[in-house]
Amino acid sequence: MTFPAPEIIDLGDIHLGVYRAGPECQSSEKPAVILMHGWPEMAYSWRHQIAALAESGYPVFAPDMRGYGVSGKPEGVEAYTMGKLTGDMQAMLDHYGIEKAVFIGHDWGAIILWAMPFYMPDRLIGLGGLNVAFMPRNPQFDPIAIMCHVLGENMYIVQFQQEGRCEPQLEADVARTFRYMMRKPATAKSDKPAVGKVRPDLDILAMMGEDEANWPGVPICDPAELQPYVDAFSKGGFTAPLHWYRNFTSNWHAMAQYQPPGELLKIDLPTLMVTAERDVACPARLADGMEDIFTNYTRIDLQGCGHWSMQEQPEQVNAALLNWLNDAF
């Protein structure tokens, strides 16, 4: 299947590029499936899943999220709060006349996914998360403070908080940036860092500055597969995508209204969690305990897989998604 061309839809304050495949919602008995990518990716990251889901009869929608690809890139950190990101997804459903859908997210797309039961519960019929697990809100400390304390000031998310600090290196040679990013660990990494000391593989700016021959892991994409990323980020830059990270603290404050301290948290939606054994940034152990929160829960653990699971192990991810979707809906 050829990767579809985007439909550019107007949501009022922003336009989104949406890549569609499969039957029209009105003619399908199967639910619409919305695929949300993470950083630094695009809808293109779902190319293997778009084809498999469409061929199985699901109406599929994969947007370039706000700040990415062909979608709008408004200025200012405040344009990328969780309220804005989930609001785009609600507005996209409205545009296509979809009352409810199954949402599936990877990386930052999964962070949005786990906020949806609070921000837009009436628009959901199922949740599928890849690599990034649901984490209940810590009532005392915002996530950046926790990351800085546990992983150190050079952990990449902590570094991303300062606008302009990381963009020059990421944008200096975008092809090099993506050759570094789209790799998987050659071996499993299950060790935990000492408190306050970042693991070298989480200080991505320092590691990226090393000689390419010394980069850890192995590539997962050939140059032709990397080129759409290189083209898009050469044109659009990294500032808007990094603004997502710069809202961690404001999103933490906003979530307080939905997760009061001490309240028993239960979410009654069909939920899938797909972990990856070799994901350095988001180890599988972070999903432990999700079964106590999600009352209709399925977990799949991918062996030998790193963070870019949809592109590293597309057949296994497709099977996990389709088996769950076919059973749950």
Protein backbone atom coordinates (compact mmCIF):
# COMPACT_ATOMS: atom_id res chain seq x y z
CA MET A 1 0.00 0.00 0.00
CA THR A 2 1.33 3.44 -0.95
CA PHE A 3 1.51 5.89 1.93
CA PRO A 4 -1.54 8.14 1.53
CA ALA A 5 -1.37 11.84 0.77
CA PRO A 6 -2.52 14.12 3.60
CA GLU A 7 -5.89 15.79 3.82
CA ILE A 8 -5.41 19.30 5.23
CA ILE A 9 -8.27 20.04 7.60
CA ASP A 10 -9.08 23.38 9.24
CA LEU A 11 -9.78 23.12 12.98
CA GLY A 12 -10.22 26.84 13.56
CA ASP A 13 -7.02 27.86 15.33
CA ILE A 14 -4.84 25.38 13.46
CA HIS A 15 -4.75 23.10 10.44
CA LEU A 16 -3.80 19.43 10.61
CA GLY A 17 -2.54 17.09 7.95
CA VAL A 18 -4.45 13.81 8.30
CA TYR A 19 -3.52 10.60 6.49
CA ARG A 20 -6.52 8.34 5.94
CA ALA A 21 -6.94 4.76 4.78
CA GLY A 22 -9.52 1.99 4.94
CA PRO A 23 -13.28 2.25 4.54
CA GLU A 24 -15.40 5.28 5.31
CA CYS A 25 -16.66 5.27 8.88
CA GLN A 26 -20.28 5.31 7.76
CA SER A 27 -19.84 2.11 5.76
CA SER A 28 -17.80 0.17 8.32
CA GLU A 29 -19.00 -1.89 11.26
CA LYS A 30 -15.56 -1.49 12.79
CA PRO A 31 -14.61 1.55 14.87
CA ALA A 32 -12.44 4.38 13.63
CA VAL A 33 -8.83 4.08 14.80
CA ILE A 34 -6.77 7.23 15.42
CA LEU A 35 -2.98 6.84 15.46
CA MET A 36 -1.00 9.48 17.39
CA HIS A 37 2.76 9.70 16.92
CA GLY A 38 5.42 10.98 19.29
CA TRP A 39 8.76 12.84 19.20
CA PRO A 40 10.54 13.26 16.84
CA GLU A 41 8.16 11.57 14.46
CA MET A 42 5.17 12.11 12.17
CA ALA A 43 2.16 10.17 10.93
CA TYR A 44 4.66 8.49 8.59
CA SER A 45 5.94 6.52 11.59
CA TRP A 46 2.68 4.53 11.45
CA ARG A 47 3.12 3.55 7.78
CA HIS A 48 3.17 -0.18 8.51
CA GLN A 49 0.17 -0.03 10.85
CA ILE A 50 -1.93 2.20 8.59
CA ALA A 51 -1.72 -0.41 5.85
CA ALA A 52 -2.42 -3.40 8.10
CA LEU A 53 -5.39 -1.80 9.89
CA ALA A 54 -6.93 -0.53 6.66
CA GLU A 55 -6.60 -3.92 4.98
CA SER A 56 -8.39 -5.45 7.99
CA GLY A 57 -11.37 -3.14 7.49
CA TYR A 58 -10.71 -0.39 10.03
CA PRO A 59 -11.17 3.28 9.11
CA VAL A 60 -7.73 4.69 9.95
CA PHE A 61 -6.75 8.29 10.67
CA ALA A 62 -3.12 9.27 11.36
CA PRO A 63 -2.56 13.00 11.87
CA ASP A 64 0.68 14.90 11.81
CA MET A 65 0.19 16.24 15.30
CA ARG A 66 0.30 19.94 16.13
CA GLY A 67 3.79 21.29 15.44
CA TYR A 68 4.83 18.41 13.18
CA GLY A 69 5.01 17.58 9.49
CA VAL A 70 2.51 19.45 7.33
CA SER A 71 0.40 20.55 10.31
CA GLY A 72 0.34 24.03 11.80
CA LYS A 73 3.16 25.19 14.05
CA PRO A 74 1.89 28.10 16.17
CA GLU A 75 4.46 30.07 18.13
CA GLY A 76 4.79 29.93 21.91
CA VAL A 77 5.01 27.19 24.51
CA GLU A 78 1.41 27.83 25.57
CA ALA A 79 0.17 26.59 22.18
CA TYR A 80 1.22 23.02 23.05
CA THR A 81 -0.50 22.27 26.36
CA MET A 82 -2.37 19.03 26.92
CA GLY A 83 -5.62 20.94 26.55
CA LYS A 84 -4.54 22.05 23.06
CA LEU A 85 -3.29 18.59 22.03
CA THR A 86 -6.40 16.73 23.16
CA GLY A 87 -8.56 19.54 21.80
CA ASP A 88 -7.10 18.95 18.34
CA MET A 89 -8.15 15.31 18.51
CA GLN A 90 -11.70 16.20 19.56
CA ALA A 91 -11.93 18.78 16.78
CA MET A 92 -10.65 16.22 14.27
CA LEU A 93 -13.40 13.80 15.32
CA ASP A 94 -15.95 16.59 14.88
CA HIS A 95 -14.60 17.40 11.44
CA TYR A 96 -15.08 13.82 10.25
CA GLY A 97 -18.39 13.30 12.05
CA ILE A 98 -16.99 10.62 14.36
CA GLU A 99 -18.70 10.38 17.74
CA LYS A 100 -16.21 8.01 19.38
CA ALA A 101 -13.01 6.27 18.33
CA VAL A 102 -10.22 3.99 19.43
CA PHE A 103 -7.08 6.02 20.05
CA ILE A 104 -3.61 4.49 19.82
CA GLY A 105 -0.50 6.44 20.79
CA HIS A 106 3.24 5.93 20.81
CA ASP A 107 5.82 7.93 22.80
CA TRP A 108 4.34 11.44 23.29
CA GLY A 109 1.24 10.19 21.50
CA ALA A 110 0.85 7.76 24.39
CA ILE A 111 1.20 10.57 26.93
CA ILE A 112 -1.70 12.30 25.20
CA LEU A 113 -3.56 8.99 25.11
CA TRP A 114 -3.38 8.50 28.88
CA ALA A 115 -4.72 12.04 29.43
CA MET A 116 -7.74 11.46 27.20
CA PRO A 117 -9.91 9.62 29.77
CA PHE A 118 -9.79 12.85 31.79
CA TYR A 119 -9.90 15.50 29.05
CA MET A 120 -12.32 13.85 26.60
CA PRO A 121 -13.89 10.71 28.14
CA ASP A 122 -17.05 10.86 26.04
CA ARG A 123 -15.13 10.47 22.76
CA LEU A 124 -13.33 7.22 23.57
CA ILE A 125 -14.16 3.56 23.10
CA GLY A 126 -10.67 2.15 23.58
CA LEU A 127 -7.05 3.02 24.38
CA GLY A 128 -3.87 1.50 22.97
CA GLY A 129 -0.49 2.63 24.27
CA LEU A 130 2.93 1.75 22.87
CA ASN A 131 6.14 2.00 24.90
CA VAL A 132 5.10 4.83 27.24
CA ALA A 133 3.06 3.58 30.18
CA PHE A 134 0.34 5.38 32.14
CA MET A 135 1.81 7.10 35.20
CA PRO A 136 -0.54 8.41 37.91
CA ARG A 137 0.06 12.02 38.86
CA ASN A 138 2.56 12.50 41.67
CA PRO A 139 0.74 14.85 44.07
CA GLN A 140 3.93 16.47 45.44
CA PHE A 141 6.53 16.81 42.71
CA ASP A 142 6.22 17.81 39.09
CA PRO A 143 7.75 15.38 36.58
CA ILE A 144 10.67 17.63 35.58
CA ALA A 145 11.78 17.94 39.19
CA ILE A 146 11.60 14.15 39.53
CA MET A 147 13.55 13.56 36.32
CA CYS A 148 16.20 16.06 37.33
CA HIS A 149 16.60 14.50 40.79
CA VAL A 150 16.65 10.88 39.64
CA LEU A 151 18.35 11.16 36.25
CA GLY A 152 20.38 14.36 36.46
CA GLU A 153 20.43 17.71 34.69
CA ASN A 154 21.75 16.24 31.44
CA MET A 155 18.81 13.89 30.93
CA TYR A 156 17.43 14.91 27.56
CA ILE A 157 13.95 15.94 28.75
CA VAL A 158 15.48 18.18 31.42
CA GLN A 159 17.72 19.78 28.79
CA PHE A 160 14.74 20.29 26.49
CA GLN A 161 13.10 22.63 29.02
CA GLN A 162 15.30 25.59 28.01
CA GLU A 163 14.14 26.99 24.68
CA GLY A 164 17.01 27.38 22.26
CA ARG A 165 19.41 25.13 24.16
CA CYS A 166 18.94 22.00 22.03
CA GLU A 167 17.51 23.24 18.74
CA PRO A 168 20.86 24.35 17.27
CA GLN A 169 22.43 20.91 17.60
CA LEU A 170 19.33 19.03 16.44
CA GLU A 171 18.89 21.31 13.42
CA ALA A 172 22.55 21.68 12.39
CA ASP A 173 22.49 18.41 10.45
CA VAL A 174 18.99 16.96 10.43
CA ALA A 175 20.03 13.84 8.53
CA ARG A 176 22.63 13.11 11.22
CA THR A 177 20.04 13.74 13.95
CA PHE A 178 17.72 11.12 12.50
CA ARG A 179 20.51 8.64 11.86
CA TYR A 180 21.16 8.88 15.58
CA MET A 181 17.54 8.82 16.70
CA MET A 182 16.26 5.90 14.66
CA ARG A 183 18.34 3.17 16.26
CA LYS A 184 17.67 0.33 18.66
CA PRO A 185 19.87 -1.03 21.45
CA ALA A 186 21.88 -4.06 20.45
CA THR A 187 21.34 -5.60 23.90
CA ALA A 188 18.81 -5.25 26.69
CA LYS A 189 19.38 -2.43 29.18
CA SER A 190 17.54 -3.09 32.41
CA ASP A 191 19.91 -1.41 34.89
CA LYS A 192 18.70 1.61 36.82
CA PRO A 193 20.86 4.74 37.09
CA ALA A 194 22.16 5.99 40.39
CA VAL A 195 20.03 8.83 41.74
CA GLY A 196 21.07 12.13 40.21
CA LYS A 197 23.33 10.56 37.58
CA VAL A 198 22.11 10.37 34.01
CA ARG A 199 22.80 7.26 32.00
CA PRO A 200 24.95 8.10 28.98
CA ASP A 201 22.25 6.89 26.60
CA LEU A 202 19.76 9.39 28.07
CA ASP A 203 22.10 12.35 27.48
CA ILE A 204 21.27 12.22 23.80
CA LEU A 205 22.90 15.54 22.89
CA ALA A 206 26.28 14.40 24.22
CA MET A 207 25.93 10.98 22.60
CA MET A 208 24.90 12.51 19.28
CA GLY A 209 28.04 14.64 19.35
CA GLU A 210 30.25 11.56 19.46
CA ASP A 211 31.80 10.04 16.37
CA GLU A 212 29.04 8.24 14.47
CA ALA A 213 31.04 5.00 14.58
CA ASN A 214 30.72 5.05 18.38
CA TRP A 215 26.96 5.50 18.52
CA PRO A 216 25.23 2.75 20.51
CA GLY A 217 22.86 0.26 18.95
CA VAL A 218 22.00 -0.41 15.33
CA PRO A 219 19.95 1.52 12.73
CA ILE A 220 16.33 0.56 12.13
CA CYS A 221 15.70 2.63 8.97
CA ASP A 222 17.52 2.83 5.68
CA PRO A 223 18.26 6.26 4.15
CA ALA A 224 15.11 6.22 2.01
CA GLU A 225 12.95 5.61 5.10
CA LEU A 226 14.70 8.43 6.97
CA GLN A 227 14.30 10.98 4.19
CA PRO A 228 10.67 11.99 4.97
CA TYR A 229 11.77 12.86 8.53
CA VAL A 230 14.77 14.79 7.26
CA ASP A 231 12.66 16.74 4.77
CA ALA A 232 9.93 17.59 7.30
CA PHE A 233 12.19 18.65 10.17
CA SER A 234 14.56 20.56 7.86
CA LYS A 235 11.54 22.64 6.88
CA GLY A 236 9.65 22.84 10.16
CA GLY A 237 12.45 22.75 12.72
CA PHE A 238 12.42 21.33 16.23
CA THR A 239 11.12 24.23 18.35
CA ALA A 240 7.40 23.43 18.07
CA PRO A 241 7.86 19.69 18.80
CA LEU A 242 10.10 20.50 21.79
CA HIS A 243 7.41 22.82 23.17
CA TRP A 244 5.44 19.67 23.99
CA TYR A 245 8.15 18.81 26.54
CA ARG A 246 8.16 22.36 27.88
CA ASN A 247 4.58 21.86 29.08
CA PHE A 248 5.28 18.91 31.37
CA THR A 249 4.99 21.11 34.46
CA SER A 250 1.92 23.06 33.31
CA ASN A 251 0.22 19.79 32.31
CA TRP A 252 1.04 18.38 35.76
CA HIS A 253 -0.68 21.36 37.39
CA ALA A 254 -3.69 21.01 35.09
CA MET A 255 -4.06 17.30 35.85
CA ALA A 256 -4.60 18.07 39.55
CA GLN A 257 -8.29 18.73 38.87
CA TYR A 258 -8.69 15.21 37.48
CA GLN A 259 -6.50 13.20 39.86
CA PRO A 260 -7.00 14.51 43.41
CA PRO A 261 -4.56 13.03 45.97
CA GLY A 262 -5.79 9.82 47.57
CA GLU A 263 -8.62 9.20 45.12
CA LEU A 264 -8.86 5.62 43.85
CA LEU A 265 -8.25 5.74 40.12
CA LYS A 266 -10.15 3.32 37.86
CA ILE A 267 -10.60 3.55 34.09
CA ASP A 268 -13.18 1.26 32.52
CA LEU A 269 -12.23 1.18 28.84
CA PRO A 270 -10.73 -1.62 26.77
CA THR A 271 -7.02 -0.85 27.12
CA LEU A 272 -3.91 -2.28 25.49
CA MET A 273 -0.34 -1.66 26.67
CA VAL A 274 2.54 -2.75 24.43
CA THR A 275 5.95 -2.59 26.12
CA ALA A 276 9.39 -3.14 24.61
CA GLU A 277 12.12 -5.10 26.34
CA ARG A 278 14.99 -2.91 25.11
CA ASP A 279 13.38 0.51 25.43
CA VAL A 280 16.00 2.53 27.31
CA ALA A 281 13.94 5.69 27.86
CA CYS A 282 10.66 3.90 28.72
CA PRO A 283 11.48 0.51 30.26
CA ALA A 284 8.77 -2.12 30.36
CA ARG A 285 8.75 -2.16 34.16
CA LEU A 286 7.02 1.23 34.18
CA ALA A 287 3.84 -0.52 33.02
CA ASP A 288 3.76 -2.73 36.13
CA GLY A 289 0.62 -1.92 38.10
CA MET A 290 -1.45 -0.57 35.21
CA GLU A 291 -3.71 -3.59 35.62
CA ASP A 292 -4.84 -2.13 38.97
CA ILE A 293 -6.11 1.05 37.25
CA PHE A 294 -7.50 -0.19 33.95
CA THR A 295 -10.31 -2.67 34.52
CA ASN A 296 -10.30 -4.13 30.99
CA TYR A 297 -6.58 -4.48 30.40
CA THR A 298 -4.33 -6.36 28.00
CA ARG A 299 -0.53 -6.23 28.06
CA ILE A 300 1.86 -7.38 25.34
CA ASP A 301 5.63 -7.40 25.94
CA LEU A 302 7.76 -7.23 22.79
CA GLN A 303 11.05 -9.08 23.18
CA GLY A 304 14.23 -7.71 21.65
CA CYS A 305 12.51 -4.44 20.72
CA GLY A 306 13.60 -0.89 21.42
CA HIS A 307 11.69 2.38 21.56
CA TRP A 308 10.60 2.68 17.92
CA SER A 309 8.45 -0.43 18.11
CA MET A 310 6.14 0.25 15.12
CA GLN A 311 9.15 0.54 12.85
CA GLU A 312 11.43 -2.04 14.51
CA GLN A 313 8.90 -4.85 14.76
CA PRO A 314 5.99 -3.86 12.51
CA GLU A 315 4.60 -7.39 12.11
CA GLN A 316 4.55 -8.00 15.85
CA VAL A 317 2.98 -4.61 16.56
CA ASN A 318 0.38 -5.14 13.83
CA ALA A 319 -0.52 -8.53 15.28
CA ALA A 320 -0.82 -7.09 18.80
CA LEU A 321 -3.07 -4.25 17.64
CA LEU A 322 -5.29 -6.36 15.39
CA ASN A 323 -5.71 -9.20 17.89
CA TRP A 324 -6.73 -6.72 20.56
CA LEU A 325 -9.01 -4.70 18.30
CA ASN A 326 -10.72 -7.79 16.90
CA ASP A 327 -11.27 -9.22 20.40
CA ALA A 328 -12.36 -5.98 22.06
CA PHE A 329 -14.59 -4.52 19.35
